[in-house]
Amino acid sequence: MENLWRLSEGERAENVGRLLACNRPINAAGIEVSGLEALRSSPSLSKKQLRNQSMKGQGKKGGSGFGRHTAGTTGEPTQILLDRNELARMLGVRDYCFRHYGVKLGYREARLWGRAEAGVKSWLRNFVMNRRVFHPVGPKAEDEVEALLKWQPDYLYGYASLLLEAARILATMDIEFHPPKCVVCTAESILPAQKAYISRVFKAPVAEEYGSTEFDVIAFECTEGHRHLVNPWLIVENSEHECLVTDVSRQTQSLIKYQLGDSLSISTSSCQRLGNYQIIDCLEGRSLDRFFYITEHEKVHATIFPPLFEKYFFENNEIFGFTVVQVGLSEVNVLVDDLNQSRRKYLKYFIEKELKNILNVDINVSVILQGGEKIEGKRGYFKQRISVLS
């Protein structure tokens, strides 16, 4: 991995061209892609088109030894096929990122994901991977955090919302513990104030990972806070509407300009600590949840909300998980994990006042306490729950 990233831009382009000429993947139009020029002119590939390719046997070269299933936040089930070499490359990228924080694959991992799966197969998989799953939510949340600390993991890995909940619980406990080498947040966005809080409570650096089931790790945060593109076999493009990803090394499936469904922006930095000079400087989440509608024909980008909460956290010295759900035109519910009635009332006033200053319209905000038991899967900052005409 390190040798590949030491190559110049020109040398990497030559390497990509050779891989395409060798693998000759099929694009969404059913045409072989044998070089960079053909790649640039290729149309984007949707999840539905990928499923059709798989059913027709297009893009497959040899049998597949591993499978991954994802429905993602788009609700479209997709089967991802991998052979041994493709899986090895994914694990190589992950190990490369973890070593940046002094951790290697196989080190003791505390995973804060969902509830641990039952059954011998799940137990054996976790045992072989040297990890344990913890769920710090519900009436036994403090016991879960205590068990996590006693296990002395080398690193923590999981949903930002669950890591934040574990940190909130730990902050109330009087317990000595051996700090992990790092905490890795994945699958969900996280604000700087929330990340700093987790780092402070667990006494460890916090890194953001950006990835997907289809490609595993795409970007990873270095110790200087830049989310570098870290997989040298991926070409990540930011189109007008969403992120497109091409895997030039994949043979089992053809993934050419694959529509990942996220909205992000990419810039170039001078940081050389990890992966590419290209970094993700703004990750806005799923493209389906990009807009907050004031009227049927007037909308603003949903990224208007995170800075409001960042300001609230800074001014009030409070940290909590939240989700903004649009339930009507100019109407949102703010779901919070842990806030008493008086603070919820003030948060409502704060958000309505800030939105009034920004948008010059009245927005109806309801702050609702969300039961901790509901934190099971991915959580985002914004969810769209209305149908609009524009």
Protein backbone atom coordinates (compact mmCIF):
# COMPACT_ATOMS: atom_id res chain seq x y z
CA MET A 1 0.00 0.00 0.00
CA GLU A 2 2.74 2.45 0.97
CA ASN A 3 4.69 1.71 -2.20
CA LEU A 4 1.64 2.34 -4.37
CA TRP A 5 1.00 5.70 -2.70
CA ARG A 6 4.65 6.69 -3.19
CA LEU A 7 4.14 6.59 -6.95
CA SER A 8 3.72 9.89 -8.78
CA GLU A 9 0.36 10.85 -10.28
CA GLY A 10 1.60 9.87 -13.71
CA GLU A 11 2.87 6.49 -12.52
CA ARG A 12 -0.42 5.78 -10.76
CA ALA A 13 -2.33 6.66 -13.93
CA GLU A 14 -0.18 4.21 -15.92
CA ASN A 15 -0.86 1.55 -13.30
CA VAL A 16 -4.60 2.18 -13.53
CA GLY A 17 -4.48 2.01 -17.32
CA ARG A 18 -2.69 -1.34 -17.21
CA LEU A 19 -5.26 -2.78 -14.80
CA LEU A 20 -8.15 -1.65 -16.98
CA ALA A 21 -6.50 -3.08 -20.10
CA CYS A 22 -6.03 -6.39 -18.29
CA ASN A 23 -9.41 -6.66 -16.53
CA ARG A 24 -11.54 -4.99 -19.24
CA PRO A 25 -14.61 -4.42 -17.00
CA ILE A 26 -18.06 -3.77 -18.46
CA ASN A 27 -19.63 -0.34 -17.98
CA ALA A 28 -23.33 0.47 -17.57
CA ALA A 29 -23.76 0.59 -21.37
CA GLY A 30 -22.42 -2.96 -21.71
CA ILE A 31 -19.15 -1.78 -23.29
CA GLU A 32 -15.70 -2.97 -22.23
CA VAL A 33 -13.53 -0.37 -20.51
CA SER A 34 -9.94 -0.97 -21.55
CA GLY A 35 -8.32 2.35 -20.61
CA LEU A 36 -8.68 5.73 -18.96
CA GLU A 37 -10.23 7.35 -22.01
CA ALA A 38 -12.99 4.74 -22.12
CA LEU A 39 -13.48 5.18 -18.39
CA ARG A 40 -13.93 8.94 -18.70
CA SER A 41 -16.64 8.53 -21.33
CA SER A 42 -18.50 5.78 -19.47
CA PRO A 43 -21.99 6.43 -18.04
CA SER A 44 -22.70 6.02 -14.35
CA LEU A 45 -23.84 2.68 -12.94
CA SER A 46 -26.86 2.41 -10.64
CA LYS A 47 -27.53 -0.30 -8.07
CA LYS A 48 -30.33 -1.62 -10.26
CA GLN A 49 -28.00 -1.87 -13.26
CA LEU A 50 -25.41 -3.67 -11.12
CA ARG A 51 -28.03 -6.23 -10.11
CA ASN A 52 -28.96 -6.71 -13.76
CA GLN A 53 -25.31 -7.21 -14.69
CA SER A 54 -24.98 -9.86 -12.00
CA MET A 55 -28.09 -11.72 -13.17
CA LYS A 56 -26.78 -11.71 -16.75
CA GLY A 57 -23.31 -12.81 -15.65
CA GLN A 58 -21.66 -9.70 -17.05
CA GLY A 59 -18.33 -8.68 -15.59
CA LYS A 60 -17.74 -11.99 -13.82
CA LYS A 61 -14.43 -13.72 -14.38
CA GLY A 62 -14.19 -16.92 -12.43
CA GLY A 63 -16.01 -17.96 -9.29
CA SER A 64 -16.44 -15.84 -6.20
CA GLY A 65 -15.46 -17.05 -2.78
CA PHE A 66 -17.05 -14.33 -0.64
CA GLY A 67 -20.29 -12.42 -0.66
CA ARG A 68 -21.54 -9.24 0.98
CA HIS A 69 -25.13 -8.11 1.11
CA THR A 70 -26.23 -4.52 1.52
CA ALA A 71 -29.53 -2.69 1.37
CA GLY A 72 -27.87 0.57 2.38
CA THR A 73 -29.92 3.66 3.21
CA THR A 74 -31.39 3.69 -0.29
CA GLY A 75 -33.34 0.52 0.44
CA GLU A 76 -32.07 -1.23 -2.69
CA PRO A 77 -30.66 -4.69 -1.87
CA THR A 78 -27.37 -5.43 -3.59
CA GLN A 79 -25.21 -8.53 -3.58
CA ILE A 80 -21.46 -7.85 -3.67
CA LEU A 81 -19.18 -10.66 -4.83
CA LEU A 82 -15.47 -10.94 -4.06
CA ASP A 83 -12.72 -13.41 -4.80
CA ARG A 84 -9.79 -14.02 -2.47
CA ASN A 85 -7.55 -11.37 -4.05
CA GLU A 86 -10.26 -8.72 -3.99
CA LEU A 87 -10.98 -9.36 -0.32
CA ALA A 88 -7.25 -9.29 0.41
CA ARG A 89 -6.93 -5.85 -1.20
CA MET A 90 -9.80 -4.55 0.94
CA LEU A 91 -8.16 -5.89 4.10
CA GLY A 92 -4.82 -4.45 2.97
CA VAL A 93 -6.36 -0.98 2.71
CA ARG A 94 -7.95 -1.34 6.15
CA ASP A 95 -4.70 -2.52 7.73
CA TYR A 96 -2.81 0.36 6.07
CA CYS A 97 -5.22 2.86 7.65
CA PHE A 98 -5.18 1.27 11.10
CA ARG A 99 -1.38 1.14 11.24
CA HIS A 100 -1.42 4.94 11.01
CA TYR A 101 -2.73 4.83 14.60
CA GLY A 102 -0.52 1.99 15.82
CA VAL A 103 -3.17 -0.69 15.33
CA LYS A 104 -3.11 -3.78 13.09
CA LEU A 105 -5.82 -6.11 11.87
CA GLY A 106 -6.20 -8.84 14.45
CA TYR A 107 -5.65 -6.53 17.40
CA ARG A 108 -8.36 -6.63 20.06
CA GLU A 109 -11.42 -4.75 18.76
CA ALA A 110 -14.44 -3.52 20.70
CA ARG A 111 -17.18 -3.09 18.11
CA LEU A 112 -20.12 -0.81 18.87
CA TRP A 113 -22.47 -1.75 16.09
CA GLY A 114 -25.84 -3.27 16.84
CA ARG A 115 -26.66 -6.04 19.17
CA ALA A 116 -24.35 -9.05 18.94
CA GLU A 117 -25.72 -11.72 16.60
CA ALA A 118 -26.66 -15.00 18.21
CA GLY A 119 -25.37 -18.35 17.04
CA VAL A 120 -22.17 -20.34 16.75
CA LYS A 121 -21.25 -18.87 13.34
CA SER A 122 -21.32 -15.31 14.67
CA TRP A 123 -19.41 -16.27 17.82
CA LEU A 124 -16.74 -18.06 15.78
CA ARG A 125 -16.34 -15.12 13.37
CA ASN A 126 -15.88 -12.66 16.23
CA PHE A 127 -13.49 -15.04 17.99
CA VAL A 128 -11.31 -15.46 14.89
CA MET A 129 -11.30 -11.69 14.30
CA ASN A 130 -10.45 -11.04 17.97
CA ARG A 131 -13.40 -8.75 18.56
CA ARG A 132 -16.38 -8.39 20.86
CA VAL A 133 -19.62 -6.56 20.13
CA PHE A 134 -20.99 -4.14 22.72
CA HIS A 135 -24.31 -2.27 22.71
CA PRO A 136 -24.24 0.57 25.28
CA VAL A 137 -27.96 1.31 25.12
CA GLY A 138 -30.87 0.49 27.40
CA PRO A 139 -31.10 -0.46 31.10
CA LYS A 140 -27.80 -2.39 31.06
CA ALA A 141 -25.85 0.26 29.16
CA GLU A 142 -23.48 1.02 32.06
CA ASP A 143 -22.73 -2.70 32.45
CA GLU A 144 -21.89 -2.87 28.74
CA VAL A 145 -19.45 0.05 29.03
CA GLU A 146 -17.85 -1.48 32.12
CA ALA A 147 -17.45 -4.83 30.35
CA LEU A 148 -15.94 -3.04 27.34
CA LEU A 149 -13.31 -1.32 29.49
CA LYS A 150 -12.46 -4.48 31.43
CA TRP A 151 -11.85 -6.29 28.13
CA GLN A 152 -9.12 -3.69 27.40
CA PRO A 153 -9.54 -3.43 23.62
CA ASP A 154 -6.71 -2.07 21.49
CA TYR A 155 -9.23 0.05 19.60
CA LEU A 156 -12.92 0.89 19.41
CA TYR A 157 -14.83 0.72 16.14
CA GLY A 158 -18.43 1.51 15.33
CA TYR A 159 -21.33 3.88 14.76
CA ALA A 160 -20.67 7.45 15.87
CA SER A 161 -24.02 7.53 17.72
CA LEU A 162 -23.16 4.46 19.79
CA LEU A 163 -19.61 5.66 20.49
CA LEU A 164 -21.04 8.99 21.60
CA GLU A 165 -23.54 7.22 23.86
CA ALA A 166 -20.75 5.08 25.37
CA ALA A 167 -18.66 8.20 26.00
CA ARG A 168 -21.61 9.94 27.64
CA ILE A 169 -22.09 6.99 30.01
CA LEU A 170 -18.37 6.65 30.73
CA ALA A 171 -18.18 10.33 31.68
CA THR A 172 -20.58 9.63 34.57
CA MET A 173 -18.65 6.59 35.85
CA ASP A 174 -15.84 6.59 38.37
CA ILE A 175 -13.68 3.89 36.84
CA GLU A 176 -10.01 3.45 35.94
CA PHE A 177 -9.32 2.02 32.50
CA HIS A 178 -6.55 1.41 30.01
CA PRO A 179 -7.15 3.83 27.09
CA PRO A 180 -7.43 2.31 23.60
CA LYS A 181 -4.94 3.28 20.91
CA CYS A 182 -7.69 4.89 18.86
CA VAL A 183 -11.43 5.16 18.27
CA VAL A 184 -12.75 4.75 14.72
CA CYS A 185 -16.14 6.25 13.82
CA THR A 186 -17.80 4.86 10.74
CA ALA A 187 -21.11 4.72 8.83
CA GLU A 188 -22.43 7.98 10.31
CA SER A 189 -21.39 11.62 10.18
CA ILE A 190 -19.97 13.21 13.32
CA LEU A 191 -19.43 16.83 14.32
CA PRO A 192 -16.02 18.10 15.51
CA ALA A 193 -17.41 18.85 18.98
CA GLN A 194 -18.77 15.31 19.30
CA LYS A 195 -15.48 13.84 18.10
CA ALA A 196 -13.50 15.95 20.58
CA TYR A 197 -15.81 14.79 23.38
CA ILE A 198 -15.33 11.09 22.55
CA SER A 199 -11.56 11.62 22.36
CA ARG A 200 -11.50 13.39 25.71
CA VAL A 201 -13.56 10.76 27.52
CA PHE A 202 -11.79 7.71 26.07
CA LYS A 203 -8.36 9.42 26.21
CA ALA A 204 -7.60 8.38 22.64
CA PRO A 205 -7.48 9.93 19.15
CA VAL A 206 -10.66 9.65 17.08
CA ALA A 207 -10.55 8.91 13.35
CA GLU A 208 -13.40 9.09 10.85
CA GLU A 209 -13.71 6.28 8.34
CA TYR A 210 -15.75 6.67 5.17
CA GLY A 211 -16.60 3.53 3.29
CA SER A 212 -19.30 1.26 1.93
CA THR A 213 -20.13 -2.41 1.72
CA GLU A 214 -19.24 -2.37 -1.99
CA PHE A 215 -15.69 -1.01 -1.52
CA ASP A 216 -14.98 -1.17 2.23
CA VAL A 217 -12.70 1.76 3.24
CA ILE A 218 -12.73 4.65 0.77
CA ALA A 219 -11.37 7.48 2.93
CA PHE A 220 -9.75 7.59 6.36
CA GLU A 221 -8.81 10.46 8.63
CA CYS A 222 -5.12 11.05 9.35
CA THR A 223 -3.81 12.35 12.68
CA GLU A 224 -3.96 15.89 11.30
CA GLY A 225 -7.70 15.64 10.64
CA HIS A 226 -7.78 15.15 6.85
CA ARG A 227 -10.04 12.47 5.34
CA HIS A 228 -7.68 11.06 2.70
CA LEU A 229 -8.70 8.80 -0.16
CA VAL A 230 -6.79 5.66 0.82
CA ASN A 231 -7.58 2.92 -1.72
CA PRO A 232 -5.19 3.22 -4.71
CA TRP A 233 -7.42 0.97 -6.84
CA LEU A 234 -10.43 3.26 -6.53
CA ILE A 235 -11.18 6.32 -8.66
CA VAL A 236 -13.54 8.60 -6.76
CA GLU A 237 -15.36 11.30 -8.73
CA ASN A 238 -17.73 13.97 -7.52
CA SER A 239 -20.37 14.48 -10.18
CA GLU A 240 -22.96 17.23 -10.16
CA HIS A 241 -25.35 15.17 -8.07
CA GLU A 242 -23.43 12.45 -6.23
CA CYS A 243 -20.29 10.43 -5.68
CA LEU A 244 -19.18 7.96 -8.38
CA VAL A 245 -16.66 5.22 -7.58
CA THR A 246 -14.72 2.96 -9.96
CA ASP A 247 -12.74 -0.08 -8.83
CA VAL A 248 -10.15 -0.76 -11.54
CA SER A 249 -8.94 -3.97 -9.88
CA ARG A 250 -12.31 -5.71 -9.49
CA GLN A 251 -12.84 -8.75 -11.70
CA THR A 252 -15.71 -10.57 -10.03
CA GLN A 253 -18.05 -7.64 -10.67
CA SER A 254 -17.73 -4.61 -12.92
CA LEU A 255 -18.00 -1.45 -10.84
CA ILE A 256 -17.49 1.45 -13.26
CA LYS A 257 -18.65 4.90 -12.08
CA TYR A 258 -20.87 3.25 -9.52
CA GLN A 259 -23.50 5.54 -7.95
CA LEU A 260 -22.72 5.27 -4.27
CA GLY A 261 -25.61 7.55 -3.32
CA ASP A 262 -23.63 9.97 -1.16
CA SER A 263 -23.07 13.68 -1.65
CA LEU A 264 -19.55 14.90 -0.97
CA SER A 265 -16.87 17.30 -2.14
CA ILE A 266 -13.23 16.48 -2.84
CA SER A 267 -10.27 18.84 -2.64
CA THR A 268 -6.48 18.56 -2.80
CA SER A 269 -4.31 19.06 0.27
CA SER A 270 -0.57 19.19 0.88
CA CYS A 271 -0.79 16.56 3.65
CA GLN A 272 1.29 13.45 2.98
CA ARG A 273 0.50 11.51 6.15
CA LEU A 274 -1.91 9.01 4.59
CA GLY A 275 -3.02 7.85 1.17
CA ASN A 276 -3.69 10.40 -1.54
CA TYR A 277 -3.38 14.20 -1.57
CA GLN A 278 -7.07 14.16 -2.42
CA ILE A 279 -9.29 14.49 0.64
CA ILE A 280 -13.00 14.57 1.35
CA ASP A 281 -13.51 17.99 2.87
CA CYS A 282 -17.29 17.88 3.03
CA LEU A 283 -19.37 14.74 3.45
CA GLU A 284 -23.02 15.68 3.22
CA GLY A 285 -24.63 12.27 3.51
CA ARG A 286 -27.10 10.43 1.37
CA SER A 287 -28.19 12.26 -1.75
CA LEU A 288 -31.82 11.35 -1.00
CA ASP A 289 -31.70 13.46 2.18
CA ARG A 290 -29.99 16.55 0.83
CA PHE A 291 -32.71 19.18 1.02
CA PHE A 292 -34.92 20.78 3.64
CA TYR A 293 -38.11 22.12 2.05
CA ILE A 294 -39.51 25.45 3.25
CA THR A 295 -42.31 25.38 0.68
CA GLU A 296 -43.08 23.03 -2.20
CA HIS A 297 -40.84 25.14 -4.44
CA GLU A 298 -38.33 26.61 -1.99
CA LYS A 299 -35.62 24.52 -0.39
CA VAL A 300 -32.20 24.78 1.27
CA HIS A 301 -29.44 22.23 1.66
CA ALA A 302 -29.72 20.04 4.74
CA THR A 303 -26.14 20.97 5.71
CA ILE A 304 -27.71 24.05 7.26
CA PHE A 305 -28.40 22.00 10.41
CA PRO A 306 -25.03 20.61 11.65
CA PRO A 307 -23.44 24.09 12.17
CA LEU A 308 -26.43 25.05 14.33
CA PHE A 309 -25.84 22.13 16.67
CA GLU A 310 -22.09 22.73 16.66
CA LYS A 311 -22.81 26.30 17.82
CA TYR A 312 -25.25 25.05 20.47
CA PHE A 313 -22.70 22.52 21.79
CA PHE A 314 -20.01 25.19 22.00
CA GLU A 315 -22.17 27.82 23.68
CA ASN A 316 -23.89 25.49 26.15
CA ASN A 317 -21.13 22.96 26.86
CA GLU A 318 -23.45 20.06 26.05
CA ILE A 319 -22.98 17.03 23.80
CA PHE A 320 -25.69 14.62 22.67
CA GLY A 321 -26.77 12.63 19.65
CA PHE A 322 -29.49 14.01 17.42
CA THR A 323 -31.40 13.48 14.19
CA VAL A 324 -33.40 16.16 12.36
CA VAL A 325 -36.47 14.71 10.64
CA GLN A 326 -38.53 16.82 8.24
CA VAL A 327 -42.17 15.90 8.83
CA GLY A 328 -43.83 18.75 6.92
CA LEU A 329 -43.07 21.90 4.97
CA SER A 330 -41.11 24.23 7.29
CA GLU A 331 -41.57 21.66 10.05
CA VAL A 332 -39.00 19.36 11.67
CA ASN A 333 -38.77 17.00 14.60
CA VAL A 334 -35.42 16.98 16.39
CA LEU A 335 -34.83 13.58 18.00
CA VAL A 336 -32.35 13.75 20.91
CA ASP A 337 -30.92 10.98 23.04
CA ASP A 338 -30.69 12.57 26.46
CA LEU A 339 -31.98 16.02 27.33
CA ASN A 340 -34.32 17.06 30.15
CA GLN A 341 -37.53 18.95 29.48
CA SER A 342 -36.19 22.43 30.19
CA ARG A 343 -33.15 21.88 27.93
CA ARG A 344 -35.36 20.50 25.17
CA LYS A 345 -37.49 23.62 25.42
CA TYR A 346 -34.40 25.82 25.16
CA LEU A 347 -33.02 23.79 22.22
CA LYS A 348 -36.33 24.33 20.39
CA TYR A 349 -36.07 28.09 21.00
CA PHE A 350 -32.39 28.13 19.96
CA ILE A 351 -32.91 26.29 16.65
CA GLU A 352 -36.00 28.28 15.70
CA LYS A 353 -34.19 31.56 16.43
CA GLU A 354 -31.10 30.57 14.41
CA LEU A 355 -33.16 29.35 11.45
CA LYS A 356 -35.19 32.56 11.53
CA ASN A 357 -31.96 34.58 11.35
CA ILE A 358 -30.65 32.51 8.43
CA LEU A 359 -33.79 31.88 6.38
CA ASN A 360 -35.93 34.82 7.45
CA VAL A 361 -38.91 32.48 7.80
CA ASP A 362 -40.53 30.79 10.79
CA ILE A 363 -39.69 27.10 11.12
CA ASN A 364 -41.71 24.90 13.48
CA VAL A 365 -39.35 22.78 15.58
CA SER A 366 -40.39 19.98 17.96
CA VAL A 367 -37.68 18.49 20.19
CA ILE A 368 -38.50 14.89 21.08
CA LEU A 369 -36.72 12.52 23.43
CA GLN A 370 -35.83 9.38 21.52
CA GLY A 371 -35.62 6.19 23.54
CA GLY A 372 -32.14 4.71 23.53
CA GLU A 373 -33.45 1.29 22.52
CA LYS A 374 -34.17 2.70 19.05
CA ILE A 375 -30.47 3.16 18.22
CA GLU A 376 -29.98 -0.03 16.23
CA GLY A 377 -28.72 0.90 12.78
CA LYS A 378 -27.14 3.83 10.99
CA ARG A 379 -28.13 7.31 12.05
CA GLY A 380 -27.71 10.48 10.08
CA TYR A 381 -28.18 14.13 10.91
CA PHE A 382 -31.11 14.61 8.56
CA LYS A 383 -33.93 12.43 7.30
CA GLN A 384 -36.58 13.40 4.78
CA ARG A 385 -40.09 12.18 5.56
CA ILE A 386 -42.27 14.21 3.19
CA SER A 387 -43.11 14.04 -0.51
CA VAL A 388 -42.56 17.27 -2.47
CA LEU A 389 -43.34 18.43 -5.99
CA SER A 390 -40.02 20.11 -6.85
